[in-house]
Amino acid sequence: MRKVKSEEMAANVGKQRTLWQETWRRFKKNKLAMAGLAFMLLLVILAVATIVIDIVTNKSFYNAHVIKQDLRGRLQPPSLAHPFGLDEFGRDMLYRMIWAIRYSLFMGTIAIALSCIVGGTLGAIAGYYGGKVDNVIMRIMDILLAIPSMLLAIAIVAALGSSIVNLLIAIAISYIPTFARTVRAPILTLKDQEFVEAGKAVGASDFRIIFKYIIPNSMAPIIVQATLGVAGAILSIAGLSFLGLGIQPPIPEWGAMLSNARSYIRDSWHITVIPGLGIMLTILALNVIGDGLRDALDPKLKN
């Protein structure tokens, strides 16, 4: 009996590994998605490198090359010495673009992770219990969805004040309804499946059934929505910083860099085009990754 059970467990593990290997194999066929993944990995490496440099140099490199002003070279166009040129305060655009990655990328990821946890939990509870619980939770989500996410984020930041923590809270709250609906939809179908009934029959708690059995079986739409959500969060962070409600100077951030460069757009194209390209390419990369994941995880396309 033990030998049979061990063989069955090994077979199940092999199937699980084969499933993810098949997903990765199908994802690799999408060249555009792979290009987006390579670009995002490059951004992550650069962001981690900036953190390591700050720790090793005790921010001396950051103070000397990223935020230090030199008005004698202000608005210098791209050259061999400064590939991205200098901004309106004579700061190197290349260093500022690289240091801005960690704020946009990591803050967008953290904000979406928070909204995924909170929104996913609310959506799971609403979908599993149904009835009045579902009605109350989803009507609250409908109220939040009725307000444009950017307008809701602006209102929250304006009320709480401009800071990185408040910016994260604002972005996270604005995306909670999206994840609540994303999680609720598959749970409405999965909660009546046989494995859920079996869990109830053996006395498993509702918490265990939801978070150990139902949610893991509905991860595909959550992963895709999270990938696309990070792109939207980065755009929201840039938008709020552009309006002066996000990350404050002299901290480098793509949206704030665009806002400060508006007055020089006719004479110094590089200080507006380069941050704009950074935002555009990052969001494009995340969107093509999301599309690739959606196609790779879609059971209808496996054959």
Protein backbone atom coordinates (compact mmCIF):
# COMPACT_ATOMS: atom_id res chain seq x y z
CA MET A 1 0.00 0.00 0.00
CA ARG A 2 2.77 2.43 0.92
CA LYS A 3 4.57 1.70 -2.33
CA VAL A 4 1.40 2.35 -4.34
CA LYS A 5 0.77 5.62 -2.51
CA SER A 6 4.34 6.79 -3.00
CA GLU A 7 4.09 6.00 -6.72
CA GLU A 8 0.83 7.94 -6.94
CA MET A 9 2.36 10.93 -5.15
CA ALA A 10 5.39 10.85 -7.45
CA ALA A 11 3.09 10.73 -10.46
CA ASN A 12 1.11 13.72 -9.16
CA VAL A 13 4.31 15.71 -8.59
CA GLY A 14 5.47 14.82 -12.09
CA LYS A 15 2.16 16.03 -13.54
CA GLN A 16 2.42 19.30 -11.64
CA ARG A 17 5.96 19.85 -12.86
CA THR A 18 4.91 18.96 -16.39
CA LEU A 19 2.10 21.52 -16.21
CA TRP A 20 4.45 24.39 -15.36
CA GLN A 21 7.05 23.13 -17.80
CA GLU A 22 4.39 23.10 -20.50
CA THR A 23 3.35 26.63 -19.56
CA TRP A 24 6.95 27.80 -19.77
CA ARG A 25 7.43 25.99 -23.08
CA ARG A 26 4.39 27.68 -24.57
CA PHE A 27 5.40 31.07 -23.11
CA LYS A 28 8.86 30.78 -24.73
CA LYS A 29 7.23 30.44 -28.15
CA ASN A 30 5.95 34.02 -27.83
CA LYS A 31 9.02 35.98 -28.94
CA LEU A 32 7.46 39.32 -28.06
CA ALA A 33 6.70 38.15 -24.51
CA MET A 34 10.24 36.81 -24.14
CA ALA A 35 11.64 40.16 -25.29
CA GLY A 36 9.47 41.89 -22.68
CA LEU A 37 10.66 39.45 -20.01
CA ALA A 38 14.31 40.08 -20.94
CA PHE A 39 13.74 43.83 -20.72
CA MET A 40 12.09 43.54 -17.31
CA LEU A 41 14.91 41.32 -16.02
CA LEU A 42 17.38 43.99 -17.14
CA LEU A 43 15.41 46.63 -15.22
CA VAL A 44 15.33 44.46 -12.11
CA ILE A 45 19.09 43.90 -12.30
CA LEU A 46 19.71 47.64 -12.67
CA ALA A 47 17.36 48.43 -9.78
CA VAL A 48 19.07 45.92 -7.50
CA ALA A 49 22.46 47.28 -8.59
CA THR A 50 21.47 50.81 -7.50
CA ILE A 51 20.50 49.51 -4.06
CA VAL A 52 23.82 47.66 -3.73
CA ILE A 53 25.76 50.77 -4.84
CA ASP A 54 23.94 52.93 -2.29
CA ILE A 55 24.72 50.45 0.48
CA VAL A 56 28.37 49.98 -0.47
CA THR A 57 29.10 53.70 -1.02
CA ASN A 58 26.81 54.89 1.79
CA LYS A 59 24.95 56.97 -0.86
CA SER A 60 28.07 58.96 -1.74
CA PHE A 61 27.75 57.94 -5.41
CA TYR A 62 24.06 58.87 -5.34
CA ASN A 63 24.79 62.28 -3.84
CA ALA A 64 27.67 63.01 -6.23
CA HIS A 65 26.16 61.83 -9.54
CA VAL A 66 22.38 61.51 -9.23
CA ILE A 67 21.16 64.53 -7.26
CA LYS A 68 24.16 66.88 -7.27
CA GLN A 69 23.50 69.97 -9.40
CA ASP A 70 25.98 71.53 -11.84
CA LEU A 71 24.33 74.48 -13.59
CA ARG A 72 27.35 75.04 -15.85
CA GLY A 73 26.38 71.99 -17.94
CA ARG A 74 22.60 72.29 -17.73
CA LEU A 75 20.53 71.02 -20.68
CA GLN A 76 23.60 69.53 -22.37
CA PRO A 77 22.46 67.18 -25.19
CA PRO A 78 23.46 63.50 -25.31
CA SER A 79 27.16 62.90 -25.87
CA LEU A 80 29.82 60.24 -25.29
CA ALA A 81 30.46 61.58 -21.80
CA HIS A 82 26.73 61.75 -20.98
CA PRO A 83 24.79 59.31 -23.24
CA PHE A 84 21.40 60.63 -22.10
CA GLY A 85 22.54 64.24 -21.68
CA LEU A 86 22.09 66.50 -18.66
CA ASP A 87 18.85 67.87 -17.25
CA GLU A 88 17.83 71.43 -16.35
CA PHE A 89 20.00 71.32 -13.23
CA GLY A 90 23.05 69.75 -14.88
CA ARG A 91 22.39 66.27 -13.47
CA ASP A 92 23.27 63.19 -15.52
CA MET A 93 20.08 61.82 -17.09
CA LEU A 94 21.50 58.29 -17.43
CA TYR A 95 22.08 57.92 -13.69
CA ARG A 96 18.74 59.50 -12.85
CA MET A 97 16.91 57.17 -15.24
CA ILE A 98 18.61 54.12 -13.71
CA TRP A 99 17.99 55.22 -10.12
CA ALA A 100 14.35 55.98 -10.96
CA ILE A 101 13.76 52.35 -11.96
CA ARG A 102 13.62 51.06 -8.40
CA TYR A 103 10.99 53.58 -7.34
CA SER A 104 8.67 52.95 -10.28
CA LEU A 105 9.18 49.18 -10.51
CA PHE A 106 9.37 48.21 -6.86
CA MET A 107 6.64 50.60 -5.72
CA GLY A 108 4.35 49.39 -8.50
CA THR A 109 5.00 45.77 -7.54
CA ILE A 110 4.46 46.39 -3.81
CA ALA A 111 1.25 48.34 -4.44
CA ILE A 112 -0.17 45.57 -6.64
CA ALA A 113 0.89 42.91 -4.13
CA LEU A 114 -1.04 44.74 -1.39
CA SER A 115 -4.12 45.18 -3.57
CA CYS A 116 -3.91 41.53 -4.66
CA ILE A 117 -3.82 40.32 -1.05
CA VAL A 118 -6.64 42.56 0.18
CA GLY A 119 -8.78 42.45 -2.97
CA GLY A 120 -8.17 38.74 -3.49
CA THR A 121 -9.20 37.95 0.08
CA LEU A 122 -12.38 40.01 -0.22
CA GLY A 123 -13.21 38.45 -3.59
CA ALA A 124 -12.58 34.94 -2.22
CA ILE A 125 -14.84 35.54 0.77
CA ALA A 126 -17.56 37.06 -1.40
CA GLY A 127 -17.47 34.27 -3.95
CA TYR A 128 -17.28 31.42 -1.42
CA TYR A 129 -20.03 32.51 0.98
CA GLY A 130 -22.31 34.27 -1.48
CA GLY A 131 -25.65 35.72 -0.33
CA LYS A 132 -25.57 38.86 1.81
CA VAL A 133 -21.79 38.69 2.31
CA ASP A 134 -21.24 38.66 -1.44
CA ASN A 135 -23.77 41.43 -1.97
CA VAL A 136 -22.25 43.77 0.63
CA ILE A 137 -18.63 43.25 -0.45
CA MET A 138 -19.30 43.56 -4.17
CA ARG A 139 -21.47 46.66 -3.78
CA ILE A 140 -18.57 48.33 -1.97
CA MET A 141 -16.29 47.24 -4.82
CA ASP A 142 -18.81 48.68 -7.31
CA ILE A 143 -18.66 52.03 -5.52
CA LEU A 144 -14.87 52.05 -5.77
CA LEU A 145 -15.01 50.98 -9.42
CA ALA A 146 -17.39 53.86 -10.17
CA ILE A 147 -14.56 56.27 -9.31
CA PRO A 148 -11.71 56.42 -11.87
CA SER A 149 -8.61 54.85 -10.33
CA MET A 150 -6.42 57.91 -10.98
CA LEU A 151 -9.03 60.25 -9.49
CA LEU A 152 -9.37 58.00 -6.43
CA ALA A 153 -5.59 57.91 -5.99
CA ILE A 154 -5.37 61.70 -6.31
CA ALA A 155 -8.07 62.13 -3.65
CA ILE A 156 -6.33 59.73 -1.24
CA VAL A 157 -2.88 61.30 -1.67
CA ALA A 158 -4.34 64.81 -1.40
CA ALA A 159 -6.07 63.83 1.84
CA LEU A 160 -3.15 61.93 3.42
CA GLY A 161 -0.29 64.06 2.07
CA SER A 162 2.51 63.44 -0.42
CA SER A 163 4.80 60.62 0.67
CA ILE A 164 5.94 57.26 -0.63
CA VAL A 165 3.82 55.34 1.90
CA ASN A 166 0.68 57.34 1.10
CA LEU A 167 1.34 56.86 -2.61
CA LEU A 168 1.52 53.09 -2.12
CA ILE A 169 -1.72 53.12 -0.12
CA ALA A 170 -3.48 55.19 -2.78
CA ILE A 171 -2.41 52.93 -5.66
CA ALA A 172 -3.22 49.76 -3.69
CA ILE A 173 -6.73 50.92 -2.78
CA SER A 174 -7.50 51.93 -6.36
CA TYR A 175 -6.73 48.38 -7.61
CA ILE A 176 -8.50 46.41 -4.86
CA PRO A 177 -11.86 46.16 -6.74
CA THR A 178 -10.14 44.77 -9.85
CA PHE A 179 -8.56 41.91 -7.94
CA ALA A 180 -11.71 41.27 -5.93
CA ARG A 181 -13.65 40.68 -9.14
CA THR A 182 -10.80 38.69 -10.71
CA VAL A 183 -10.69 36.26 -7.77
CA ARG A 184 -14.44 36.08 -7.21
CA ALA A 185 -15.30 34.92 -10.74
CA PRO A 186 -13.43 31.56 -10.73
CA ILE A 187 -14.36 30.87 -7.10
CA LEU A 188 -18.06 30.99 -7.98
CA THR A 189 -17.39 28.03 -10.28
CA LEU A 190 -14.85 26.16 -8.18
CA LYS A 191 -16.75 26.23 -4.87
CA ASP A 192 -19.20 23.60 -6.13
CA GLN A 193 -16.53 21.21 -7.35
CA GLU A 194 -16.06 17.76 -5.83
CA PHE A 195 -12.71 18.50 -4.16
CA VAL A 196 -14.37 21.32 -2.18
CA GLU A 197 -17.18 19.00 -1.09
CA ALA A 198 -14.56 16.44 -0.08
CA GLY A 199 -12.75 19.04 2.02
CA LYS A 200 -15.99 19.93 3.79
CA ALA A 201 -16.73 16.23 4.37
CA VAL A 202 -13.43 15.67 6.20
CA GLY A 203 -14.01 18.73 8.39
CA ALA A 204 -11.64 21.23 6.75
CA SER A 205 -12.26 24.83 7.79
CA ASP A 206 -13.52 27.42 5.35
CA PHE A 207 -10.17 29.26 5.61
CA ARG A 208 -8.29 26.10 4.63
CA ILE A 209 -10.64 25.31 1.76
CA ILE A 210 -10.44 28.84 0.32
CA PHE A 211 -6.71 29.45 0.62
CA LYS A 212 -5.33 25.94 0.15
CA TYR A 213 -7.67 24.41 -2.39
CA ILE A 214 -9.72 27.03 -4.25
CA ILE A 215 -7.32 29.96 -4.75
CA PRO A 216 -4.38 27.79 -5.96
CA ASN A 217 -6.71 26.41 -8.63
CA SER A 218 -7.60 29.91 -9.83
CA MET A 219 -4.10 31.39 -9.97
CA ALA A 220 -3.95 31.79 -13.76
CA PRO A 221 -6.20 34.89 -14.03
CA ILE A 222 -4.67 36.33 -10.84
CA ILE A 223 -1.12 36.09 -12.24
CA VAL A 224 -2.14 37.70 -15.53
CA GLN A 225 -4.06 40.48 -13.79
CA ALA A 226 -1.14 41.13 -11.42
CA THR A 227 1.28 41.49 -14.33
CA LEU A 228 -1.01 43.94 -16.10
CA GLY A 229 -1.73 45.68 -12.79
CA VAL A 230 1.95 46.45 -12.22
CA ALA A 231 2.00 48.24 -15.58
CA GLY A 232 -1.03 50.29 -14.58
CA ALA A 233 0.46 51.03 -11.16
CA ILE A 234 3.71 52.31 -12.70
CA LEU A 235 1.68 54.59 -14.97
CA SER A 236 -0.35 55.82 -11.98
CA ILE A 237 2.81 56.52 -9.97
CA ALA A 238 4.25 58.47 -12.89
CA GLY A 239 0.99 60.37 -13.30
CA LEU A 240 0.76 61.33 -9.63
CA SER A 241 4.41 62.38 -9.59
CA PHE A 242 3.80 64.41 -12.74
CA LEU A 243 1.03 66.26 -10.89
CA GLY A 244 3.28 66.85 -7.87
CA LEU A 245 1.43 64.36 -5.63
CA GLY A 246 3.88 61.49 -5.85
CA ILE A 247 7.60 61.16 -5.23
CA GLN A 248 9.08 64.55 -4.43
CA PRO A 249 12.36 66.06 -5.75
CA PRO A 250 15.28 65.56 -5.68
CA ILE A 251 14.44 61.83 -5.71
CA PRO A 252 14.54 60.72 -9.38
CA GLU A 253 11.23 59.46 -10.74
CA TRP A 254 10.15 59.27 -14.37
CA GLY A 255 6.87 61.15 -13.95
CA ALA A 256 8.48 63.93 -11.91
CA MET A 257 11.30 64.18 -14.47
CA LEU A 258 8.70 64.67 -17.20
CA SER A 259 6.91 67.32 -15.17
CA ASN A 260 10.10 69.30 -14.54
CA ALA A 261 11.08 69.09 -18.23
CA ARG A 262 7.87 70.59 -19.63
CA SER A 263 9.30 74.09 -19.83
CA TYR A 264 12.26 72.93 -21.93
CA ILE A 265 10.48 70.59 -24.36
CA ARG A 266 11.15 72.80 -27.42
CA ASP A 267 14.84 73.44 -26.82
CA SER A 268 16.00 70.25 -25.04
CA TRP A 269 14.09 67.27 -26.38
CA HIS A 270 16.13 64.68 -24.49
CA ILE A 271 14.92 65.55 -20.99
CA THR A 272 11.32 64.82 -21.98
CA VAL A 273 11.71 62.06 -24.58
CA ILE A 274 14.01 59.83 -22.50
CA PRO A 275 11.78 59.59 -19.36
CA GLY A 276 8.75 59.16 -21.62
CA LEU A 277 10.44 56.30 -23.44
CA GLY A 278 11.33 54.70 -20.10
CA ILE A 279 7.68 54.71 -19.01
CA MET A 280 6.43 53.56 -22.42
CA LEU A 281 8.89 50.67 -22.82
CA THR A 282 8.34 49.41 -19.26
CA ILE A 283 4.56 49.38 -19.58
CA LEU A 284 4.80 47.82 -23.05
CA ALA A 285 7.08 45.07 -21.72
CA LEU A 286 4.71 44.26 -18.84
CA ASN A 287 1.70 44.20 -21.15
CA VAL A 288 3.29 41.79 -23.62
CA ILE A 289 4.38 39.59 -20.70
CA GLY A 290 0.79 39.61 -19.44
CA ASP A 291 -0.51 38.68 -22.90
CA GLY A 292 2.06 35.88 -23.14
CA LEU A 293 1.08 34.51 -19.73
CA ARG A 294 -2.59 34.67 -20.61
CA ASP A 295 -2.00 32.64 -23.78
CA ALA A 296 0.32 30.18 -22.01
CA LEU A 297 -2.11 29.58 -19.13
CA ASP A 298 -5.26 29.39 -21.27
CA PRO A 299 -6.38 25.75 -21.31
CA LYS A 300 -8.26 26.34 -24.57
CA LEU A 301 -4.97 26.99 -26.39
CA LYS A 302 -3.02 24.00 -25.05
CA ASN A 303 -3.85 21.88 -28.09
